[in-house]
Protein backbone atom coordinates (compact mmCIF):
# COMPACT_ATOMS: atom_id res chain seq x y z
CA MET A 1 120.03 56.93 116.04
CA TYR A 2 117.04 59.07 117.01
CA LEU A 3 119.32 62.05 117.65
CA GLU A 4 120.95 61.70 114.23
CA ARG A 5 117.56 61.64 112.52
CA ASN A 6 116.44 64.67 114.56
CA LYS A 7 119.56 66.67 113.57
CA ARG A 8 119.02 65.79 109.92
CA THR A 9 115.38 66.94 110.17
CA GLN A 10 116.47 70.21 111.77
CA LYS A 11 118.97 70.82 108.94
CA ILE A 12 116.30 70.21 106.34
CA ASP A 13 113.85 72.47 108.17
CA SER A 14 116.38 75.29 108.40
CA ALA A 15 117.28 74.88 104.72
CA VAL A 16 113.60 75.03 103.75
CA LEU A 17 113.08 78.12 105.89
CA LEU A 18 116.14 79.81 104.41
CA ALA A 19 115.02 79.06 100.85
CA PHE A 20 111.53 80.31 101.65
CA ALA A 21 112.90 83.53 103.18
CA GLN A 22 115.02 84.13 100.08
CA PHE A 23 111.99 83.57 97.85
CA VAL A 24 109.95 86.08 99.88
CA VAL A 25 112.72 88.70 99.71
CA ILE A 26 113.10 88.27 95.94
CA SER A 27 109.33 88.46 95.47
CA LEU A 28 109.11 91.65 97.52
CA LEU A 29 111.99 93.25 95.61
CA LEU A 30 110.34 92.34 92.30
CA SER A 31 107.10 93.83 93.57
CA VAL A 32 108.83 97.10 94.48
CA ILE A 33 110.60 97.32 91.12
CA SER A 34 107.34 96.51 89.33
CA ALA A 35 105.50 99.29 91.19
CA GLU A 36 108.27 101.73 90.30
CA TYR A 37 108.13 100.64 86.64
CA GLN A 38 104.38 101.18 86.50
CA SER A 39 104.60 104.69 87.97
CA ASN A 40 107.75 105.92 86.18
CA ARG A 41 107.13 106.85 82.54
CA TYR A 42 110.83 107.48 81.84
CA MET A 43 111.69 103.98 83.07
CA GLN A 44 108.96 102.50 80.86
CA GLU A 45 110.31 104.30 77.79
CA TRP A 46 113.90 103.30 78.50
CA ILE A 47 112.96 99.64 78.95
CA GLU A 48 110.85 99.70 75.78
CA LYS A 49 113.87 100.97 73.81
CA ASN A 50 116.67 98.97 75.41
CA ALA A 51 115.26 95.87 77.10
CA TRP A 52 111.70 95.32 75.91
CA PRO A 53 111.27 91.72 77.23
CA ILE A 54 111.82 92.93 80.78
CA GLY A 55 108.77 95.17 80.47
CA TYR A 56 106.60 92.08 80.23
CA LEU A 57 108.02 90.78 83.53
CA LEU A 58 107.52 94.13 85.25
CA ASN A 59 103.88 94.62 84.24
CA GLY A 60 102.70 93.55 87.71
CA TYR A 61 101.34 90.09 87.01
CA LEU A 62 104.54 88.21 87.81
CA ALA A 63 105.02 90.03 91.11
CA ALA A 64 101.42 89.37 92.15
CA THR A 65 101.76 85.70 91.24
CA LEU A 66 104.98 85.32 93.23
CA ILE A 67 103.46 87.07 96.26
CA GLY A 68 100.53 84.64 96.02
CA PHE A 69 102.95 81.72 95.93
CA ALA A 70 104.75 83.16 98.95
CA ILE A 71 101.51 83.40 100.93
CA GLY A 72 100.57 79.84 99.99
CA GLY A 73 104.08 78.65 100.82
CA ALA A 74 103.88 80.35 104.21
CA PHE A 75 100.77 78.34 105.03
CA LEU A 76 102.50 75.12 103.94
CA VAL A 77 105.64 75.89 105.98
CA LEU A 78 103.51 76.74 109.01
CA GLN A 79 101.52 73.53 108.61
CA ARG A 80 104.72 71.49 108.28
CA TRP A 81 106.20 73.19 111.33
CA ARG A 82 103.08 72.53 113.41
CA SER A 83 102.82 68.89 112.34
CA SER A 84 106.51 68.24 113.01
CA GLY A 85 106.10 69.76 116.50
CA GLU A 86 103.19 67.44 117.26
CA THR A 87 105.10 64.34 116.16
CA ARG A 88 108.08 65.31 118.31
CA ILE A 89 105.82 65.63 121.36
CA ASP A 90 104.23 62.26 120.62
CA ARG A 91 107.68 60.67 120.26
CA ASP A 92 108.83 62.15 123.57
CA ARG A 93 105.81 60.70 125.39
CA LEU A 94 106.64 57.19 124.20
């Protein structure tokens, strides 16, 4: 029964890590596109004419917020990983 619970925990941990990695990649891509939008006047004009709501998302604030969430999430994932490692060691000693 302990092995089944351990496998289930590993699956959850790998799923959380995969979701977190995807979030980081999406945040970095948004940050790159936002930087390009801010430096490219032609892109700004085109978006203003054809897709004006997207300009609000590319103004830089959303990318900075998502990067901040990613940094905070990294600390939480690291803390969860460290605490799960300590409990596994304690379980093995008993």
